[in-house]
């Protein structure tokens, strides 16, 4: 279980780092690179040492970042509720919303692990599912060219 928890965190650190990297040609790249780089670093630390989640600085940075992501996600969700015209993944704000939700959920999962770095079976099962979800989604989107057809150029060229 401890090795699996570490592996999940290393996978998520890789995902967040990759998500930060692909923002390079986004119109607001600097902002999104920062949004993904922070959880990449925090999650990498958890992958290397799960006990870091009990550290005051780690907990503070992750809590502030989760709060930021939740508030931003709520704003995007409201915007999408009013303006969505097609599948939510065809809307740039929809993809941004999913990214923020993944960050908030993963960092909350890590934050809750401070009491028990390995967590219970349910905690670990959720971690495995969440850590595989972004990669499976990315492969699906990469294979499904029709889904990407209406995306802006900056979203098509980095995948």
C-alpha atoms as a PDB file:
ATOM      1  CA  UNK A   1       0.000   0.000   0.000  1.00  0.00           C
ATOM      2  CA  UNK A   2       2.739   2.575   0.779  1.00  0.00           C
ATOM      3  CA  UNK A   3       4.452   1.866  -2.544  1.00  0.00           C
ATOM      4  CA  UNK A   4       1.154   2.157  -4.437  1.00  0.00           C
ATOM      5  CA  UNK A   5       0.349   5.488  -2.734  1.00  0.00           C
ATOM      6  CA  UNK A   6       3.801   6.788  -3.693  1.00  0.00           C
ATOM      7  CA  UNK A   7       3.376   5.553  -7.262  1.00  0.00           C
ATOM      8  CA  UNK A   8      -0.011   7.287  -7.554  1.00  0.00           C
ATOM      9  CA  UNK A   9       1.574  10.531  -6.373  1.00  0.00           C
ATOM     10  CA  UNK A  10       4.458  10.192  -8.795  1.00  0.00           C
ATOM     11  CA  UNK A  11       1.992   9.570 -11.641  1.00  0.00           C
ATOM     12  CA  UNK A  12      -0.012  12.634 -10.665  1.00  0.00           C
ATOM     13  CA  UNK A  13       3.150  14.716 -10.343  1.00  0.00           C
ATOM     14  CA  UNK A  14       4.034  13.650 -13.896  1.00  0.00           C
ATOM     15  CA  UNK A  15       0.512  14.483 -15.082  1.00  0.00           C
ATOM     16  CA  UNK A  16       0.555  17.939 -13.477  1.00  0.00           C
ATOM     17  CA  UNK A  17       4.030  18.619 -14.895  1.00  0.00           C
ATOM     18  CA  UNK A  18       2.874  17.522 -18.348  1.00  0.00           C
ATOM     19  CA  UNK A  19      -0.262  19.654 -18.001  1.00  0.00           C
ATOM     20  CA  UNK A  20       1.931  22.643 -17.135  1.00  0.00           C
ATOM     21  CA  UNK A  21       4.194  21.941 -20.106  1.00  0.00           C
ATOM     22  CA  UNK A  22       1.368  21.777 -22.664  1.00  0.00           C
ATOM     23  CA  UNK A  23       0.191  25.240 -21.634  1.00  0.00           C
ATOM     24  CA  UNK A  24       3.173  26.737 -23.448  1.00  0.00           C
ATOM     25  CA  UNK A  25       1.139  28.061 -26.389  1.00  0.00           C
ATOM     26  CA  UNK A  26      -2.012  28.975 -24.439  1.00  0.00           C
ATOM     27  CA  UNK A  27      -2.960  32.677 -24.492  1.00  0.00           C
ATOM     28  CA  UNK A  28      -2.648  32.818 -20.682  1.00  0.00           C
ATOM     29  CA  UNK A  29       0.141  30.235 -20.431  1.00  0.00           C
ATOM     30  CA  UNK A  30       1.960  31.739 -17.440  1.00  0.00           C
ATOM     31  CA  UNK A  31      -1.107  31.528 -15.236  1.00  0.00           C
ATOM     32  CA  UNK A  32      -1.950  27.954 -16.177  1.00  0.00           C
ATOM     33  CA  UNK A  33       1.661  26.823 -15.915  1.00  0.00           C
ATOM     34  CA  UNK A  34       1.695  28.103 -12.347  1.00  0.00           C
ATOM     35  CA  UNK A  35      -1.680  26.498 -11.586  1.00  0.00           C
ATOM     36  CA  UNK A  36      -0.305  23.082 -12.629  1.00  0.00           C
ATOM     37  CA  UNK A  37       3.295  23.481 -11.436  1.00  0.00           C
ATOM     38  CA  UNK A  38       2.317  24.027  -7.804  1.00  0.00           C
ATOM     39  CA  UNK A  39       0.470  20.694  -7.464  1.00  0.00           C
ATOM     40  CA  UNK A  40       3.200  19.002  -9.529  1.00  0.00           C
ATOM     41  CA  UNK A  41       5.786  20.039  -6.949  1.00  0.00           C
ATOM     42  CA  UNK A  42       3.597  19.316  -3.937  1.00  0.00           C
ATOM     43  CA  UNK A  43       2.589  15.918  -5.303  1.00  0.00           C
ATOM     44  CA  UNK A  44       6.178  15.031  -6.161  1.00  0.00           C
ATOM     45  CA  UNK A  45       7.093  15.727  -2.542  1.00  0.00           C
ATOM     46  CA  UNK A  46       4.326  13.368  -1.385  1.00  0.00           C
ATOM     47  CA  UNK A  47       5.573  10.721  -3.804  1.00  0.00           C
ATOM     48  CA  UNK A  48       9.077  11.011  -2.386  1.00  0.00           C
ATOM     49  CA  UNK A  49       8.016  11.292   1.262  1.00  0.00           C
ATOM     50  CA  UNK A  50       4.332  10.747   2.131  1.00  0.00           C
ATOM     51  CA  UNK A  51       4.876  12.180   5.611  1.00  0.00           C
ATOM     52  CA  UNK A  52       5.464  15.635   4.093  1.00  0.00           C
ATOM     53  CA  UNK A  53       1.686  16.142   4.131  1.00  0.00           C
ATOM     54  CA  UNK A  54       1.968  16.775   7.865  1.00  0.00           C
ATOM     55  CA  UNK A  55       4.398  19.661   7.317  1.00  0.00           C
ATOM     56  CA  UNK A  56       2.939  23.112   8.067  1.00  0.00           C
ATOM     57  CA  UNK A  57       4.273  24.705   4.877  1.00  0.00           C
ATOM     58  CA  UNK A  58       3.099  21.842   2.662  1.00  0.00           C
ATOM     59  CA  UNK A  59      -0.359  21.915   4.258  1.00  0.00           C
ATOM     60  CA  UNK A  60      -0.604  25.705   3.974  1.00  0.00           C
ATOM     61  CA  UNK A  61       0.442  25.897   0.336  1.00  0.00           C
ATOM     62  CA  UNK A  62      -1.807  23.004  -0.661  1.00  0.00           C
ATOM     63  CA  UNK A  63      -4.805  24.380   1.259  1.00  0.00           C
ATOM     64  CA  UNK A  64      -4.441  27.823  -0.328  1.00  0.00           C
ATOM     65  CA  UNK A  65      -4.047  26.305  -3.785  1.00  0.00           C
ATOM     66  CA  UNK A  66      -7.083  24.034  -3.327  1.00  0.00           C
ATOM     67  CA  UNK A  67      -9.167  26.981  -2.142  1.00  0.00           C
ATOM     68  CA  UNK A  68      -8.015  29.020  -5.152  1.00  0.00           C
ATOM     69  CA  UNK A  69      -8.871  26.160  -7.544  1.00  0.00           C
ATOM     70  CA  UNK A  70     -12.297  25.581  -5.984  1.00  0.00           C
ATOM     71  CA  UNK A  71     -13.267  29.253  -6.172  1.00  0.00           C
ATOM     72  CA  UNK A  72     -12.055  29.474  -9.780  1.00  0.00           C
ATOM     73  CA  UNK A  73     -13.830  26.196 -10.669  1.00  0.00           C
ATOM     74  CA  UNK A  74     -17.082  27.487  -9.201  1.00  0.00           C
ATOM     75  CA  UNK A  75     -16.761  30.628 -11.314  1.00  0.00           C
ATOM     76  CA  UNK A  76     -16.075  28.606 -14.458  1.00  0.00           C
ATOM     77  CA  UNK A  77     -18.931  26.250 -13.636  1.00  0.00           C
ATOM     78  CA  UNK A  78     -21.333  29.164 -13.328  1.00  0.00           C
ATOM     79  CA  UNK A  79     -20.058  30.649 -16.582  1.00  0.00           C
ATOM     80  CA  UNK A  80     -20.513  27.299 -18.351  1.00  0.00           C
ATOM     81  CA  UNK A  81     -23.998  26.912 -16.925  1.00  0.00           C
ATOM     82  CA  UNK A  82     -24.970  30.184 -18.577  1.00  0.00           C
ATOM     83  CA  UNK A  83     -23.002  29.954 -21.828  1.00  0.00           C
ATOM     84  CA  UNK A  84     -22.326  26.333 -22.821  1.00  0.00           C
ATOM     85  CA  UNK A  85     -23.408  25.652 -26.369  1.00  0.00           C
ATOM     86  CA  UNK A  86     -21.911  22.203 -26.916  1.00  0.00           C
ATOM     87  CA  UNK A  87     -20.170  19.368 -25.107  1.00  0.00           C
ATOM     88  CA  UNK A  88     -18.348  20.781 -22.087  1.00  0.00           C
ATOM     89  CA  UNK A  89     -15.011  19.404 -23.355  1.00  0.00           C
ATOM     90  CA  UNK A  90     -15.437  21.448 -26.542  1.00  0.00           C
ATOM     91  CA  UNK A  91     -15.491  24.613 -24.457  1.00  0.00           C
ATOM     92  CA  UNK A  92     -12.111  25.917 -23.339  1.00  0.00           C
ATOM     93  CA  UNK A  93     -13.613  26.841 -19.989  1.00  0.00           C
ATOM     94  CA  UNK A  94     -14.888  23.265 -19.631  1.00  0.00           C
ATOM     95  CA  UNK A  95     -11.402  21.827 -20.082  1.00  0.00           C
ATOM     96  CA  UNK A  96     -10.051  24.401 -17.641  1.00  0.00           C
ATOM     97  CA  UNK A  97     -12.788  23.438 -15.169  1.00  0.00           C
ATOM     98  CA  UNK A  98     -11.841  19.754 -15.365  1.00  0.00           C
ATOM     99  CA  UNK A  99      -8.191  20.624 -14.749  1.00  0.00           C
ATOM    100  CA  UNK A 100      -9.062  22.665 -11.679  1.00  0.00           C
ATOM    101  CA  UNK A 101     -11.310  19.905 -10.341  1.00  0.00           C
ATOM    102  CA  UNK A 102      -8.585  17.290 -10.802  1.00  0.00           C
ATOM    103  CA  UNK A 103      -6.134  19.520  -8.924  1.00  0.00           C
ATOM    104  CA  UNK A 104      -8.585  20.230  -6.098  1.00  0.00           C
ATOM    105  CA  UNK A 105      -9.609  16.601  -5.681  1.00  0.00           C
ATOM    106  CA  UNK A 106      -6.057  15.233  -5.789  1.00  0.00           C
ATOM    107  CA  UNK A 107      -4.617  17.831  -3.457  1.00  0.00           C
ATOM    108  CA  UNK A 108      -7.528  17.307  -1.049  1.00  0.00           C
ATOM    109  CA  UNK A 109      -6.846  13.585  -1.125  1.00  0.00           C
ATOM    110  CA  UNK A 110      -3.182  14.229  -0.343  1.00  0.00           C
ATOM    111  CA  UNK A 111      -4.107  16.751   2.337  1.00  0.00           C
ATOM    112  CA  UNK A 112      -6.393  14.231   4.036  1.00  0.00           C
ATOM    113  CA  UNK A 113      -3.588  11.662   4.009  1.00  0.00           C
ATOM    114  CA  UNK A 114      -1.615  13.647   6.597  1.00  0.00           C
ATOM    115  CA  UNK A 115      -3.257  11.634   9.372  1.00  0.00           C
ATOM    116  CA  UNK A 116      -2.454   8.334   7.669  1.00  0.00           C
ATOM    117  CA  UNK A 117       0.015   8.641   4.747  1.00  0.00           C
ATOM    118  CA  UNK A 118      -1.146   5.383   3.211  1.00  0.00           C
ATOM    119  CA  UNK A 119      -4.849   5.769   3.930  1.00  0.00           C
ATOM    120  CA  UNK A 120      -7.346   2.947   4.003  1.00  0.00           C
ATOM    121  CA  UNK A 121      -8.342   0.674   1.153  1.00  0.00           C
ATOM    122  CA  UNK A 122     -11.007   3.082  -0.055  1.00  0.00           C
ATOM    123  CA  UNK A 123      -8.562   6.013   0.041  1.00  0.00           C
ATOM    124  CA  UNK A 124      -6.046   3.995  -1.963  1.00  0.00           C
ATOM    125  CA  UNK A 125      -8.650   2.777  -4.475  1.00  0.00           C
ATOM    126  CA  UNK A 126      -9.785   6.364  -5.057  1.00  0.00           C
ATOM    127  CA  UNK A 127      -6.148   7.414  -5.491  1.00  0.00           C
ATOM    128  CA  UNK A 128      -5.542   4.726  -8.119  1.00  0.00           C
ATOM    129  CA  UNK A 129      -8.680   5.664 -10.068  1.00  0.00           C
ATOM    130  CA  UNK A 130      -7.940   9.381  -9.957  1.00  0.00           C
ATOM    131  CA  UNK A 131      -4.273   8.936 -10.907  1.00  0.00           C
ATOM    132  CA  UNK A 132      -5.199   6.853 -13.967  1.00  0.00           C
ATOM    133  CA  UNK A 133      -8.150   9.019 -15.077  1.00  0.00           C
ATOM    134  CA  UNK A 134      -6.154  11.958 -16.569  1.00  0.00           C
ATOM    135  CA  UNK A 135      -3.937   9.661 -18.623  1.00  0.00           C
ATOM    136  CA  UNK A 136      -6.852   7.572 -19.906  1.00  0.00           C
ATOM    137  CA  UNK A 137      -8.725  10.775 -20.769  1.00  0.00           C
ATOM    138  CA  UNK A 138      -5.715  12.179 -22.591  1.00  0.00           C
ATOM    139  CA  UNK A 139      -5.327   8.998 -24.653  1.00  0.00           C
ATOM    140  CA  UNK A 140      -9.052   9.015 -25.466  1.00  0.00           C
ATOM    141  CA  UNK A 141      -8.942  12.656 -26.555  1.00  0.00           C
ATOM    142  CA  UNK A 142      -5.792  12.043 -28.583  1.00  0.00           C
ATOM    143  CA  UNK A 143      -7.389   9.109 -30.415  1.00  0.00           C
ATOM    144  CA  UNK A 144     -10.734  10.886 -30.910  1.00  0.00           C
ATOM    145  CA  UNK A 145      -9.743  13.498 -33.502  1.00  0.00           C
ATOM    146  CA  UNK A 146     -13.379  14.491 -34.062  1.00  0.00           C
ATOM    147  CA  UNK A 147     -13.581  15.648 -30.443  1.00  0.00           C
ATOM    148  CA  UNK A 148     -10.648  17.995 -30.982  1.00  0.00           C
ATOM    149  CA  UNK A 149     -11.875  19.355 -34.325  1.00  0.00           C
ATOM    150  CA  UNK A 150     -13.610  22.415 -32.876  1.00  0.00           C
ATOM    151  CA  UNK A 151     -10.865  23.221 -30.386  1.00  0.00           C
ATOM    152  CA  UNK A 152      -8.729  26.348 -30.812  1.00  0.00           C
ATOM    153  CA  UNK A 153      -5.372  25.856 -32.517  1.00  0.00           C
ATOM    154  CA  UNK A 154      -3.378  26.245 -29.310  1.00  0.00           C
ATOM    155  CA  UNK A 155      -5.208  23.214 -27.851  1.00  0.00           C
ATOM    156  CA  UNK A 156      -4.688  21.023 -30.916  1.00  0.00           C
ATOM    157  CA  UNK A 157      -0.974  21.525 -31.388  1.00  0.00           C
ATOM    158  CA  UNK A 158       0.309  20.407 -28.003  1.00  0.00           C
ATOM    159  CA  UNK A 159      -1.260  16.972 -27.664  1.00  0.00           C
END
